[in-house]
Structures are given as C-alpha cells and as structure tokens.
Amino acid sequence: MPQVAIPWFIEDLHHDGDDPIYLNTTKFVPRPRAWLAKATEGVDHDGVLRQIAEEACWSGRYAFLIVISAAISLLGLLMPSVAVLIGAMLLSPLMMPIIGLGFGIAMLDFHEIRRAATALTLGAGIAVALSVVLILLSPVQTITSEIAGRTQPTLFDLLVALLSAIAGGYALIRGRGGTVVGVAIAIALMPPLVVVGFGIATWNWVVFSGALLLFLTNAITIALTAALVARCYGFGSHLSPHHTGWQLVLFAVAIGVLSIPLGAGLRRIAFEAVAQRQVRDALGQDFPPGARLSQVEIDHGATPVRVRAVMLTPRIEPGADRKLAADLRQRLSRPVDVHIDQVRISPETGAVEAAQIARAGNGDALRAARERDRAIADVALIAGVPASSVQSDAAGRTIRATAAPLPGLGIAGYRDLERRAGAAVADWHVVLSPPNDVALPDVAIISGVIDDQALREAGWVSARLARTFDVLGGTLRQRTAIAQGIVDRGGRADPGRAGGRLRLIWTIDTEQPAPVSAERRP
C-alpha cells in the first residue's frame, strides 16, 4: 500500500492490514482550538459573569466610592502629592464598569452593555461635577505639576492602558484579585476626570481637552482590550466568526483613531528630547576646548524655538549666537532663536572663583527668564492659546494675551479669566483681551439709574480692544451719560444717533459689532 503524508491536525489513525484508513474524528482538532480549550480550563465563566453583574452596575456603594475617590484625587492634584493620588487610584470605582462594558461587547450582551455604560457615564459625570464645584470653592486654582502631567497624553499612555487592561482582564478571569490593585494604579482613571473638572471650572480648554483625551484613551482601550481577553478565554463562544470579525474591526479602528493625537504628542516629546541633545552637542562643538556649559534653557513651544544658555569659556567667540542659530536650524529643521551669555574664565589661579561669581550673576538673569517663561506658560494655559502668542514686557512686569474664543462666554467671563491669570502669576500684571467678536453688553436705564455692571464691562472691553463705542438710541442726555460712564471706567465711547432702544456698537460699524478681521492688542 502506498504511503500517505498525514496532516499535522490528524491526531489518531486506525489501520488494520489492507483495510482502508479510518480517522478517529473525536481527535480531529486544530491546534488553535486545542490551545483555546486548554486556556479555558478551570475558568468559572458563570462566576466571573456574576461578579461583573454585581460590581459593574450602578449602586449606592459605587456612588459613594466615586465621591470619595474624586475628592481624594482633587486634593492630591492641588497639593500636589503622588502618595495621595495613589490612595485615590486604589479605590478605582470606575474600573469594573469599564471591564463590564468590555465583557458585554465580547458577548454582545446589550443589556450588560447598557448597565455598565450607564454606571460609567453617571460615575464620570458625578466626578466631573463634584470637581468643578470643589475647584470653584477652592482658594487654590493653580495648575500644579500633577495637573499639567495629565494634559499631554501620548502613545505611551495608550500602550500602558492596553497592557494594563490585559493584566486586569486576566486577573479577573483567573481570580487573582491582587493584580487588579496594580492595574488600578497603572491606569489611573479618576485623576484625569478630576483634571477635566479643573479645566471646566477654570475655563481652560487646553487642560480640559488634554485630560479628556487621556481619560477616553484609558476607558476605550480598557473596554476593548478586556473584550478581546474575554473572547480568548471562551466568553462569547456562541458568536459567529462574522461577529468576531466585527469586534476585531472595532478594536482596530478605535485604537487607530486614538493613536493619531497620541502619536502627535509622542512626536512632540521626542522632538524635545532630540532638541535638548542637539543643543548641548552644538554648544560643545562650537566653543573651544575647556569651555563648559553652565546653564541651558529651551522653549520648544516658541516659534522660533528659543534657546538661552550660559557658557564658561576661555575665549569669547564673536558671532556665536548667529553661528549656533544656523547650526541648530540645520540640525532641527526649524528656525531657532539663540542667545548665549559667554563668561570668560582663565586657567590661572582664581579661575574657579571667577567662574562661580560670573555664574551667580548670570544665574540671576536666567532665573528671571525662567520665571518669565513660567508665567507666560501659565497665562497661555488659562487663556487657552499657545505660549508663542503671549507677549511679555519684563521691564513693566506685564503679560499680554488674547483669549481663545469660547462659545457662549461673555465679557464677564473673559474678565474673570483675566483675574484668574493675574492670580496665577501674582508678580505680573496680566492684560487678557477677549476675542474681537465677543458679545457686547446691554445697557439700560432703570428708574433713572444706568446699569453699572454693563458700564464696567463696556469700559473694560473697550480698553482691552482699544476700540471706541457709539451709544445709539434713547435721548441725547441718556446717550451722553452712558458714553461718559464708559469713559470714566477706562473705555472710549461717543454719543451716537437717536432711534430705537439704547445699545452699543463699535464706531467702525453702523449696525453690528465689528467682525473678526485684524486682531488688535492694547
């Protein structure tokens, strides 16, 4: 009888002499399916589903943990204290609804999906609302290092969430509860939500959007990864290959969409690391042997990139700023603004002391520059604009910026933003202008008294935008009184024509406030 090659997936054969070959079909098992059967051995599917049903839904205990976790997270962010934040992470009330959402997706159990999604939405809403209220009541509204660290998520955060979700799903399925504690600390769901509330309370779009992206990255990645882990362990085995395909497509699309902004953030951080190394290399190459770099500061967000440094050098290099700027422009493929303070040192006795004295003098200048850049960054965050668009006058200790347009925010809101910015940088005078298309205040005379709040708002916005109002409507005496009230409050206004109700318009337009065209700063 001729020999026949037997495929790898045939486990057993019966061959009796010249009789035909019979297959034992009970062992006709592909290796992937055999691996799946081995992986699911000992998994208590019903027990896992019962645990998820109990812990992934809305309850009084869940709401209580949300409130406590959000309050502790807020304290940890404002202090700031990593230890306090870890305490909030250990509670991790949001973890089970997200994992429950993932298991619901794995089994296409729409009832479980609704229960988990409802618990997650309500819990997140309570955490954000509580954070907004507490921050508005708090005397401390400064952007701390812990808050700023949760406003710039990168692709690394996505990878952390992905790997942590695999560990969390495995721990839940295999009953290893201790692992979930480490997963909760690694992912940190509650602190980003509290930072979202901070951004809302302080009207800071940069903080709000960055923290919201971090929370959505963690939540979506955990849910979808938990769904894949659940499928690998036999949950949703009743589904067809068609359903499995759609689940994989959902996972791939979600991860791909999240990777776009997170990848951009990672590229920015990578550029900053490369720029730091290239600047140090260029400084080392362009100065003579024996020169030492004392201090260096790089503002990567500025356009052009701003480099400030102090070099202790045995020989002063004329034109070093221009030469370094050209060198760094070629290395970084970006325009660079370079200023190097050169301090001459001698190899003779006393050189070390001279260098220390020189460094101390230049250190004062660098500290002042560092303080100014920090103040500019704080004002930019509050105004919701890039730091490169903020102007500063070191001599007059003044910082000027134009706030980003915020739909629905009136003049009173922009004045409050200016006050918040001034409180954040107490040693500087902050002048924060509203957008040109901000809604103008309504002026009214009630029982012979002009609305003082409207006059203050009109005077402020006129001064900030350096524009003049025309007061229209009413009687000449009323128009004159309103215009004088605006002038007395620092603005500019003239009595306009009669007709209709009392109202304000910009002088350059006879009917409507001026459209946004050429932005003007005071």
Protein backbone atom coordinates (compact mmCIF):
# COMPACT_ATOMS: atom_id res chain seq x y z
CA MET A 1 0.00 0.00 0.00
CA PRO A 2 1.48 3.43 -0.88
CA GLN A 3 2.50 5.72 1.94
CA VAL A 4 0.39 8.82 2.51
CA ALA A 5 1.56 12.04 4.19
CA ILE A 6 -0.58 12.61 7.25
CA PRO A 7 -1.53 16.25 8.04
CA TRP A 8 -0.48 17.70 11.43
CA PHE A 9 -4.06 18.15 12.58
CA ILE A 10 -4.89 14.41 12.43
CA GLU A 11 -4.35 13.14 15.97
CA ASP A 12 -5.13 9.40 15.61
CA LEU A 13 -5.40 6.74 12.86
CA HIS A 14 -6.78 3.21 12.76
CA HIS A 15 -5.06 0.99 10.19
CA ASP A 16 -5.69 -2.74 10.05
CA GLY A 17 -3.70 -4.51 7.35
CA ASP A 18 -5.04 -3.84 3.87
CA ASP A 19 -8.26 -2.28 5.20
CA PRO A 20 -8.92 1.40 4.43
CA ILE A 21 -7.58 4.00 6.81
CA TYR A 22 -10.17 5.31 9.26
CA LEU A 23 -9.90 8.58 11.12
CA ASN A 24 -10.79 8.98 14.77
CA THR A 25 -12.89 12.12 14.27
CA THR A 26 -13.11 12.81 18.00
CA LYS A 27 -9.45 13.90 17.88
CA PHE A 28 -9.65 15.82 14.64
CA VAL A 29 -8.84 19.12 16.43
CA PRO A 30 -6.94 22.10 15.01
CA ARG A 31 -4.14 23.32 17.20
CA PRO A 32 -5.58 26.84 17.80
CA ARG A 33 -8.83 25.35 19.04
CA ALA A 34 -6.93 22.89 21.23
CA TRP A 35 -4.99 25.81 22.70
CA LEU A 36 -8.25 27.65 23.37
CA ALA A 37 -9.69 24.61 25.12
CA LYS A 38 -6.59 24.34 27.28
CA ALA A 39 -6.62 28.08 28.10
CA THR A 40 -10.22 27.98 29.27
CA GLU A 41 -9.72 25.01 31.55
CA GLY A 42 -10.69 25.86 35.10
CA VAL A 43 -12.30 29.22 34.16
CA ASP A 44 -15.52 29.75 36.09
CA HIS A 45 -17.41 31.62 33.41
CA ASP A 46 -20.61 31.86 35.42
CA GLY A 47 -18.75 33.08 38.50
CA VAL A 48 -16.92 35.79 36.54
CA LEU A 49 -20.15 36.98 34.96
CA ARG A 50 -21.85 37.08 38.35
CA GLN A 51 -19.03 39.19 39.77
CA ILE A 52 -19.22 41.60 36.86
CA ALA A 53 -23.00 41.84 37.17
CA GLU A 54 -22.64 42.73 40.86
CA GLU A 55 -19.78 45.24 40.61
CA ALA A 56 -20.18 46.83 37.17
CA CYS A 57 -23.59 48.42 37.75
CA TRP A 58 -24.92 51.50 39.50
CA SER A 59 -25.30 51.24 43.26
CA GLY A 60 -25.09 53.36 46.38
CA ARG A 61 -21.70 51.87 47.25
CA TYR A 62 -20.41 52.71 43.77
CA ALA A 63 -21.62 56.34 44.03
CA PHE A 64 -20.02 56.69 47.47
CA LEU A 65 -16.66 55.43 46.17
CA ILE A 66 -16.87 57.84 43.21
CA VAL A 67 -17.32 60.83 45.54
CA ILE A 68 -14.52 59.75 47.88
CA SER A 69 -12.12 58.90 45.05
CA ALA A 70 -12.77 62.20 43.24
CA ALA A 71 -12.28 64.24 46.42
CA ILE A 72 -9.01 62.48 47.28
CA SER A 73 -7.79 62.85 43.68
CA LEU A 74 -8.52 66.58 43.74
CA LEU A 75 -6.54 67.04 46.94
CA GLY A 76 -3.65 65.06 45.51
CA LEU A 77 -3.63 67.17 42.35
CA LEU A 78 -3.78 70.54 44.12
CA MET A 79 -1.25 69.80 46.88
CA PRO A 80 0.37 68.17 44.74
CA SER A 81 1.09 64.75 46.30
CA VAL A 82 1.76 61.49 44.47
CA ALA A 83 1.04 59.48 47.65
CA VAL A 84 -2.44 60.99 47.97
CA LEU A 85 -3.12 60.30 44.28
CA ILE A 86 -2.12 56.67 44.72
CA GLY A 87 -4.64 56.44 47.54
CA ALA A 88 -7.36 57.64 45.19
CA MET A 89 -6.26 55.21 42.48
CA LEU A 90 -6.52 52.25 44.85
CA LEU A 91 -10.27 52.82 45.20
CA SER A 92 -10.67 52.58 41.42
CA PRO A 93 -14.51 52.61 41.31
CA LEU A 94 -14.59 53.14 37.53
CA MET A 95 -12.57 50.04 36.67
CA MET A 96 -15.33 47.45 36.98
CA PRO A 97 -17.94 49.31 34.85
CA ILE A 98 -15.34 49.67 32.09
CA ILE A 99 -14.35 45.99 32.27
CA GLY A 100 -18.07 45.09 32.43
CA LEU A 101 -18.57 47.12 29.26
CA GLY A 102 -15.77 45.14 27.62
CA PHE A 103 -17.29 41.78 28.61
CA GLY A 104 -20.66 42.96 27.33
CA ILE A 105 -19.05 43.78 23.97
CA ALA A 106 -17.30 40.38 23.97
CA MET A 107 -20.62 38.53 24.34
CA LEU A 108 -22.76 41.12 22.51
CA ASP A 109 -24.89 41.29 25.64
CA PHE A 110 -26.67 44.60 25.09
CA HIS A 111 -28.32 44.51 28.50
CA GLU A 112 -24.91 44.29 30.19
CA ILE A 113 -23.53 46.96 27.88
CA ARG A 114 -26.34 49.35 28.88
CA ARG A 115 -25.87 48.64 32.60
CA ALA A 116 -22.11 49.16 32.53
CA ALA A 117 -22.29 52.21 30.23
CA THR A 118 -24.92 53.81 32.47
CA ALA A 119 -22.82 53.25 35.58
CA LEU A 120 -19.70 54.57 33.85
CA THR A 121 -21.46 57.68 32.49
CA LEU A 122 -23.12 58.55 35.78
CA GLY A 123 -19.93 57.94 37.74
CA ALA A 124 -17.85 60.09 35.38
CA GLY A 125 -20.50 62.84 35.46
CA ILE A 126 -20.56 62.88 39.27
CA ALA A 127 -16.76 63.01 39.45
CA VAL A 128 -16.52 65.92 36.99
CA ALA A 129 -19.40 67.87 38.56
CA LEU A 130 -18.01 67.42 42.08
CA SER A 131 -14.57 68.52 40.88
CA VAL A 132 -15.99 71.67 39.27
CA VAL A 133 -17.82 72.64 42.46
CA LEU A 134 -14.86 71.98 44.76
CA ILE A 135 -12.42 73.84 42.50
CA LEU A 136 -14.71 76.86 42.31
CA LEU A 137 -14.83 76.88 46.12
CA SER A 138 -11.10 76.27 46.50
CA PRO A 139 -8.74 79.22 47.07
CA VAL A 140 -6.07 77.28 45.15
CA GLN A 141 -6.67 77.11 41.42
CA THR A 142 -3.08 76.92 40.21
CA ILE A 143 -2.04 74.41 37.57
CA THR A 144 0.29 72.14 39.50
CA SER A 145 2.81 69.69 38.07
CA GLU A 146 0.39 66.77 38.65
CA ILE A 147 -2.38 68.58 36.76
CA ALA A 148 -0.08 69.56 33.89
CA GLY A 149 1.19 65.97 33.67
CA ARG A 150 -2.31 64.79 32.74
CA THR A 151 -2.92 67.30 29.97
CA GLN A 152 -0.46 65.94 27.38
CA PRO A 153 -1.18 62.24 26.76
CA THR A 154 1.00 60.34 24.32
CA LEU A 155 1.08 56.97 22.60
CA PHE A 156 2.81 55.59 25.69
CA ASP A 157 -0.40 56.17 27.68
CA LEU A 158 -2.26 54.07 25.12
CA LEU A 159 0.27 51.25 25.47
CA VAL A 160 0.06 51.41 29.28
CA ALA A 161 -3.74 51.17 29.11
CA LEU A 162 -3.52 48.28 26.63
CA LEU A 163 -1.10 46.20 28.70
CA SER A 164 -2.84 47.04 31.97
CA ALA A 165 -6.20 46.01 30.51
CA ILE A 166 -4.75 42.63 29.51
CA ALA A 167 -3.48 42.17 33.07
CA GLY A 168 -6.79 43.32 34.55
CA GLY A 169 -8.87 41.03 32.38
CA TYR A 170 -6.61 38.07 33.12
CA ALA A 171 -6.70 38.81 36.86
CA LEU A 172 -10.49 38.98 36.87
CA ILE A 173 -10.93 35.77 34.88
CA ARG A 174 -8.32 33.81 36.83
CA GLY A 175 -9.38 35.17 40.21
CA ARG A 176 -6.13 36.97 41.00
CA GLY A 177 -7.57 40.00 42.77
CA GLY A 178 -4.22 41.34 43.94
CA THR A 179 -3.22 42.09 40.36
CA VAL A 180 -6.18 44.43 39.91
CA VAL A 181 -4.70 46.78 42.53
CA GLY A 182 -1.55 47.27 40.47
CA VAL A 183 -3.62 47.71 37.33
CA ALA A 184 -5.70 50.43 39.01
CA ILE A 185 -2.55 52.35 39.94
CA ALA A 186 -1.05 51.97 36.45
CA ILE A 187 -4.12 53.23 34.59
CA ALA A 188 -5.32 55.98 36.98
CA LEU A 189 -8.82 56.68 35.73
CA MET A 190 -10.06 59.15 38.34
CA PRO A 191 -7.27 61.81 38.30
CA PRO A 192 -7.78 62.64 34.57
CA LEU A 193 -11.53 63.06 35.21
CA VAL A 194 -10.81 65.48 38.05
CA VAL A 195 -8.47 67.44 35.77
CA VAL A 196 -11.35 67.62 33.25
CA GLY A 197 -13.39 69.28 36.02
CA PHE A 198 -10.47 71.63 36.74
CA GLY A 199 -10.40 72.67 33.08
CA ILE A 200 -14.15 73.37 33.11
CA ALA A 201 -14.01 75.32 36.38
CA THR A 202 -11.13 77.50 35.18
CA TRP A 203 -12.35 77.78 31.57
CA ASN A 204 -9.10 76.29 30.31
CA TRP A 205 -9.61 74.44 27.04
CA VAL A 206 -6.04 73.09 26.89
CA VAL A 207 -6.34 71.42 30.30
CA PHE A 208 -9.89 70.19 29.61
CA SER A 209 -9.18 68.67 26.20
CA GLY A 210 -5.89 67.05 27.19
CA ALA A 211 -7.30 65.40 30.31
CA LEU A 212 -10.46 64.29 28.49
CA LEU A 213 -8.34 62.67 25.77
CA LEU A 214 -6.34 60.81 28.43
CA PHE A 215 -9.49 59.52 30.16
CA LEU A 216 -11.13 58.44 26.88
CA THR A 217 -7.90 56.71 25.84
CA ASN A 218 -7.81 54.73 29.07
CA ALA A 219 -11.53 53.90 29.12
CA ILE A 220 -11.86 52.86 25.47
CA THR A 221 -8.63 50.87 25.45
CA ILE A 222 -9.52 49.04 28.66
CA ALA A 223 -13.02 48.16 27.47
CA LEU A 224 -11.99 46.87 24.03
CA THR A 225 -8.91 45.04 25.29
CA ALA A 226 -10.96 43.41 28.04
CA ALA A 227 -13.38 42.28 25.32
CA LEU A 228 -10.56 40.60 23.39
CA VAL A 229 -9.20 38.92 26.52
CA ALA A 230 -12.70 37.68 27.35
CA ARG A 231 -13.08 36.19 23.86
CA CYS A 232 -9.74 34.42 24.23
CA TYR A 233 -10.99 32.77 27.42
CA GLY A 234 -14.17 31.46 25.93
CA PHE A 235 -16.65 34.24 26.71
CA GLY A 236 -18.96 34.81 23.75
CA SER A 237 -18.24 31.38 22.27
CA HIS A 238 -21.78 31.34 20.86
CA LEU A 239 -20.92 34.15 18.45
CA SER A 240 -20.24 33.51 14.80
CA PRO A 241 -16.95 34.29 13.01
CA HIS A 242 -18.76 37.23 11.42
CA HIS A 243 -19.36 38.76 14.86
CA THR A 244 -15.76 38.12 15.86
CA GLY A 245 -14.57 39.90 12.73
CA TRP A 246 -16.62 42.99 13.54
CA GLN A 247 -15.25 43.01 17.08
CA LEU A 248 -11.71 42.96 15.75
CA VAL A 249 -12.53 45.77 13.31
CA LEU A 250 -13.98 47.84 16.16
CA PHE A 251 -10.84 47.33 18.22
CA ALA A 252 -8.50 48.21 15.34
CA VAL A 253 -10.46 51.33 14.31
CA ALA A 254 -10.72 52.65 17.88
CA ILE A 255 -7.02 52.12 18.58
CA GLY A 256 -6.13 53.67 15.23
CA VAL A 257 -8.22 56.79 15.83
CA LEU A 258 -6.80 57.27 19.32
CA SER A 259 -3.27 56.78 18.02
CA ILE A 260 -3.45 59.88 15.81
CA PRO A 261 -3.46 62.61 18.52
CA LEU A 262 -1.45 60.46 20.92
CA GLY A 263 1.19 59.84 18.28
CA ALA A 264 1.43 63.59 17.66
CA GLY A 265 2.04 64.12 21.37
CA LEU A 266 4.74 61.48 21.38
CA ARG A 267 6.44 63.06 18.37
CA ARG A 268 6.45 66.40 20.20
CA ILE A 269 8.11 64.86 23.26
CA ALA A 270 10.60 63.02 21.06
CA PHE A 271 11.48 66.28 19.30
CA GLU A 272 12.06 67.97 22.66
CA ALA A 273 14.44 65.19 23.71
CA VAL A 274 16.31 65.36 20.41
CA ALA A 275 16.46 69.16 20.58
CA GLN A 276 17.92 69.04 24.10
CA ARG A 277 20.69 66.70 22.96
CA GLN A 278 21.40 68.60 19.74
CA VAL A 279 21.64 71.93 21.54
CA ARG A 280 24.17 70.54 24.01
CA ASP A 281 26.17 68.91 21.21
CA ALA A 282 26.22 72.12 19.16
CA LEU A 283 27.31 74.19 22.15
CA GLY A 284 30.09 71.73 22.89
CA GLN A 285 31.37 71.75 19.30
CA ASP A 286 31.21 75.48 18.61
CA PHE A 287 33.24 76.57 21.64
CA PRO A 288 36.96 75.96 22.26
CA PRO A 289 38.29 73.11 24.42
CA GLY A 290 37.90 73.84 28.10
CA ALA A 291 34.56 75.60 27.65
CA ARG A 292 31.81 74.37 29.94
CA LEU A 293 28.06 74.68 29.63
CA SER A 294 26.79 76.25 32.84
CA GLN A 295 23.04 76.51 32.23
CA VAL A 296 20.71 75.99 29.29
CA GLU A 297 17.00 76.56 28.78
CA ILE A 298 14.98 75.62 25.69
CA ASP A 299 11.45 76.78 24.93
CA HIS A 300 10.26 74.18 22.43
CA GLY A 301 6.78 75.71 22.10
CA ALA A 302 8.03 79.07 20.91
CA THR A 303 8.28 79.96 17.22
CA PRO A 304 11.16 80.07 16.55
CA VAL A 305 12.49 77.65 19.17
CA ARG A 306 14.11 79.77 21.89
CA VAL A 307 17.49 78.76 23.36
CA ARG A 308 19.11 80.59 26.27
CA ALA A 309 22.40 79.41 27.78
CA VAL A 310 25.46 80.42 29.80
CA MET A 311 28.88 79.23 28.61
CA LEU A 312 32.04 79.42 30.68
CA THR A 313 34.72 79.71 28.02
CA PRO A 314 38.45 80.53 27.97
CA ARG A 315 37.92 82.60 24.82
CA ILE A 316 34.98 84.79 23.82
CA GLU A 317 33.57 83.69 20.47
CA PRO A 318 32.28 86.64 18.41
CA GLY A 319 29.11 85.86 16.46
CA ALA A 320 28.47 82.69 18.47
CA ASP A 321 24.71 83.36 18.57
CA ARG A 322 24.43 83.63 14.81
CA LYS A 323 26.65 80.62 14.17
CA LEU A 324 24.78 78.44 16.68
CA ALA A 325 21.41 79.52 15.28
CA ALA A 326 22.45 78.42 11.79
CA ASP A 327 23.88 75.15 13.12
CA LEU A 328 20.77 74.30 15.16
CA ARG A 329 18.47 75.29 12.30
CA GLN A 330 20.16 72.66 10.17
CA ARG A 331 20.11 70.04 12.94
CA LEU A 332 16.48 70.55 13.99
CA SER A 333 15.00 71.63 10.63
CA ARG A 334 13.29 74.51 12.46
CA PRO A 335 14.08 78.19 12.96
CA VAL A 336 15.93 78.80 16.23
CA ASP A 337 16.46 81.97 18.28
CA VAL A 338 19.73 81.63 20.20
CA HIS A 339 21.26 83.86 22.86
CA ILE A 340 24.41 82.73 24.66
CA ASP A 341 25.88 84.59 27.64
CA GLN A 342 29.64 83.97 27.43
CA VAL A 343 31.62 84.19 30.66
CA ARG A 344 35.38 84.26 30.16
CA ILE A 345 37.38 82.07 32.51
CA SER A 346 41.13 81.69 32.83
CA PRO A 347 43.10 78.53 33.54
CA GLU A 348 45.16 80.52 36.03
CA THR A 349 44.60 80.61 39.80
CA GLY A 350 41.29 82.04 40.77
CA ALA A 351 39.50 80.92 37.62
CA VAL A 352 37.11 78.75 39.55
CA GLU A 353 36.11 81.59 41.86
CA ALA A 354 35.69 83.95 38.92
CA ALA A 355 33.54 81.42 37.14
CA GLN A 356 31.38 80.97 40.23
CA ILE A 357 30.90 84.72 40.57
CA ALA A 358 30.10 85.08 36.90
CA ARG A 359 27.74 82.14 37.02
CA ALA A 360 25.96 83.62 40.02
CA GLY A 361 25.42 86.90 38.17
CA ASN A 362 24.17 85.19 35.05
CA GLY A 363 22.13 82.81 37.21
CA ASP A 364 20.04 85.77 38.32
CA ALA A 365 19.28 86.63 34.72
CA LEU A 366 18.45 83.03 33.91
CA ARG A 367 16.21 82.75 36.96
CA ALA A 368 14.38 85.86 35.83
CA ALA A 369 14.00 84.42 32.34
CA ARG A 370 12.81 81.12 33.80
CA GLU A 371 10.26 82.93 35.95
CA ARG A 372 9.02 84.93 32.95
CA ASP A 373 8.67 81.83 30.77
CA ARG A 374 6.79 80.03 33.55
CA ALA A 375 4.43 82.97 33.92
CA ILE A 376 3.86 83.07 30.17
CA ALA A 377 3.09 79.35 30.15
CA ASP A 378 0.58 79.74 33.00
CA VAL A 379 -1.19 82.63 31.27
CA ALA A 380 -1.24 80.71 27.98
CA LEU A 381 -2.86 77.71 29.66
CA ILE A 382 -5.57 79.87 31.26
CA ALA A 383 -6.17 81.81 28.04
CA GLY A 384 -6.27 78.61 26.00
CA VAL A 385 -3.67 79.83 23.48
CA PRO A 386 -0.12 78.79 22.53
CA ALA A 387 2.64 80.31 24.64
CA SER A 388 4.18 81.77 21.48
CA SER A 389 1.20 84.13 21.10
CA VAL A 390 1.66 85.65 24.58
CA GLN A 391 3.59 88.92 24.82
CA SER A 392 5.64 90.00 27.83
CA ASP A 393 7.29 93.21 28.99
CA ALA A 394 9.92 92.32 31.58
CA ALA A 395 10.63 95.97 32.43
CA GLY A 396 6.98 96.74 33.08
CA ARG A 397 6.24 93.27 34.51
CA THR A 398 3.30 92.98 32.10
CA ILE A 399 2.00 89.98 30.17
CA ARG A 400 -0.49 90.46 27.33
CA ALA A 401 -2.54 87.83 25.52
CA THR A 402 -5.78 87.43 23.60
CA ALA A 403 -8.00 84.67 24.94
CA ALA A 404 -9.17 81.87 22.66
CA PRO A 405 -12.85 82.17 21.64
CA LEU A 406 -15.12 80.21 23.97
CA PRO A 407 -18.70 79.76 22.69
CA GLY A 408 -21.26 81.34 24.99
CA LEU A 409 -18.70 83.16 27.17
CA GLY A 410 -19.47 86.85 27.64
CA ILE A 411 -17.38 89.81 28.71
CA ALA A 412 -17.81 88.96 32.39
CA GLY A 413 -16.34 85.50 31.75
CA TYR A 414 -13.28 86.90 29.96
CA ARG A 415 -12.76 89.42 32.78
CA ASP A 416 -12.82 86.52 35.20
CA LEU A 417 -10.23 84.71 33.08
CA GLU A 418 -8.01 87.79 33.34
CA ARG A 419 -8.41 87.83 37.12
CA ARG A 420 -7.56 84.14 37.31
CA ALA A 421 -4.46 84.65 35.18
CA GLY A 422 -3.40 87.57 37.36
CA ALA A 423 -3.83 85.46 40.49
CA ALA A 424 -1.78 82.62 38.94
CA VAL A 425 1.17 84.97 38.22
CA ALA A 426 0.87 87.37 41.12
CA ASP A 427 4.15 89.18 40.39
CA TRP A 428 2.98 90.20 36.90
CA HIS A 429 0.26 92.48 35.59
CA VAL A 430 -1.85 90.44 33.18
CA VAL A 431 -3.78 92.10 30.36
CA LEU A 432 -6.04 89.50 28.77
CA SER A 433 -8.06 90.70 25.80
CA PRO A 434 -11.28 88.99 24.69
CA PRO A 435 -11.82 87.95 21.05
CA ASN A 436 -12.98 90.74 18.73
CA ASP A 437 -16.38 89.11 18.22
CA VAL A 438 -17.30 88.96 21.92
CA ALA A 439 -20.95 89.83 22.56
CA LEU A 440 -21.36 93.45 23.66
CA PRO A 441 -23.15 94.28 26.93
CA ASP A 442 -26.72 95.56 27.01
CA VAL A 443 -27.02 98.98 28.63
CA ALA A 444 -30.24 100.03 30.28
CA ILE A 445 -31.53 102.87 32.40
CA ILE A 446 -33.94 101.71 35.09
CA SER A 447 -35.66 104.37 37.24
CA GLY A 448 -33.09 106.88 36.05
CA VAL A 449 -30.10 104.70 37.04
CA ILE A 450 -27.67 103.31 34.47
CA ASP A 451 -26.66 99.65 34.86
CA ASP A 452 -23.20 100.00 36.43
CA GLN A 453 -22.21 96.40 35.62
CA ALA A 454 -22.80 96.99 31.92
CA LEU A 455 -20.74 100.20 32.07
CA ARG A 456 -17.84 98.39 33.74
CA GLU A 457 -17.93 95.62 31.15
CA ALA A 458 -18.11 98.12 28.28
CA GLY A 459 -15.21 100.15 29.69
CA TRP A 460 -13.10 97.01 30.15
CA VAL A 461 -13.67 95.56 26.68
CA SER A 462 -13.13 98.96 25.04
CA ALA A 463 -9.82 99.37 26.85
CA ARG A 464 -8.67 95.83 26.09
CA LEU A 465 -9.51 96.01 22.37
CA ALA A 466 -8.52 99.72 22.05
CA ARG A 467 -11.78 100.47 20.25
CA THR A 468 -14.50 103.09 20.60
CA PHE A 469 -18.20 102.59 21.18
CA ASP A 470 -21.07 104.53 19.64
CA VAL A 471 -24.04 104.79 22.00
CA LEU A 472 -27.26 104.59 19.99
CA GLY A 473 -30.96 105.06 20.82
CA GLY A 474 -32.75 106.79 23.69
CA THR A 475 -32.43 110.52 24.28
CA LEU A 476 -29.32 112.62 23.76
CA ARG A 477 -28.98 113.06 27.52
CA GLN A 478 -29.09 109.29 28.06
CA ARG A 479 -26.59 108.61 25.29
CA THR A 480 -24.22 111.23 26.67
CA ALA A 481 -24.49 109.88 30.21
CA ILE A 482 -23.75 106.31 29.09
CA ALA A 483 -20.79 107.40 26.94
CA GLN A 484 -19.37 109.40 29.85
CA GLY A 485 -19.83 106.44 32.19
CA ILE A 486 -17.84 104.20 29.83
CA VAL A 487 -15.06 106.79 29.56
CA ASP A 488 -14.94 107.14 33.36
CA ARG A 489 -14.34 103.38 33.57
CA GLY A 490 -11.35 103.40 31.24
CA GLY A 491 -13.08 102.91 27.89
CA ARG A 492 -13.82 105.07 24.88
CA ALA A 493 -17.33 105.99 23.74
CA ASP A 494 -19.22 108.75 21.92
CA PRO A 495 -22.94 109.59 21.79
CA GLY A 496 -24.35 108.29 18.52
CA ARG A 497 -27.58 108.75 16.63
CA ALA A 498 -31.07 108.56 18.07
CA GLY A 499 -33.63 105.87 17.32
CA GLY A 500 -34.63 102.61 18.93
CA ARG A 501 -33.54 101.18 22.25
CA LEU A 502 -30.28 102.06 23.94
CA ARG A 503 -27.46 99.92 22.60
CA LEU A 504 -23.73 99.87 21.93
CA ILE A 505 -21.95 99.29 18.64
CA TRP A 506 -18.36 99.70 17.57
CA THR A 507 -17.69 103.04 15.91
CA ILE A 508 -16.36 101.48 12.70
CA ASP A 509 -19.70 99.67 12.11
CA THR A 510 -23.10 101.33 11.94
CA GLU A 511 -25.20 98.30 12.71
CA GLN A 512 -23.28 95.30 14.07
CA PRO A 513 -20.16 94.73 16.16
CA ALA A 514 -17.02 94.58 14.08
CA PRO A 515 -16.27 91.19 12.55
CA VAL A 516 -13.06 89.41 13.38
CA SER A 517 -10.52 90.65 10.87
CA ALA A 518 -7.29 92.19 12.07
CA GLU A 519 -6.84 91.36 15.71
CA ARG A 520 -5.61 94.28 17.76
CA ARG A 521 -3.87 94.20 21.10
CA PRO A 522 -3.89 97.01 23.66
